[in-house]
């Protein structure tokens, strides 16, 4: 049972961390100039974190 608790807590930490990063990258992507290299990079990173 203790091993399952560890796995569950690890899963929650990973989920919250990637969700927070995705939200921050989304805010950055919305606030940079459209069509620039930064927008493209943030879009790729955001897509990756949405899927993880």
Foldseek 3Di string as FASTA:
>chain_A
DVVVVVVVVVVVVLLVVLVVVLVVLVVVLVPDDPPDPSNVVSVVSNVVSVVD
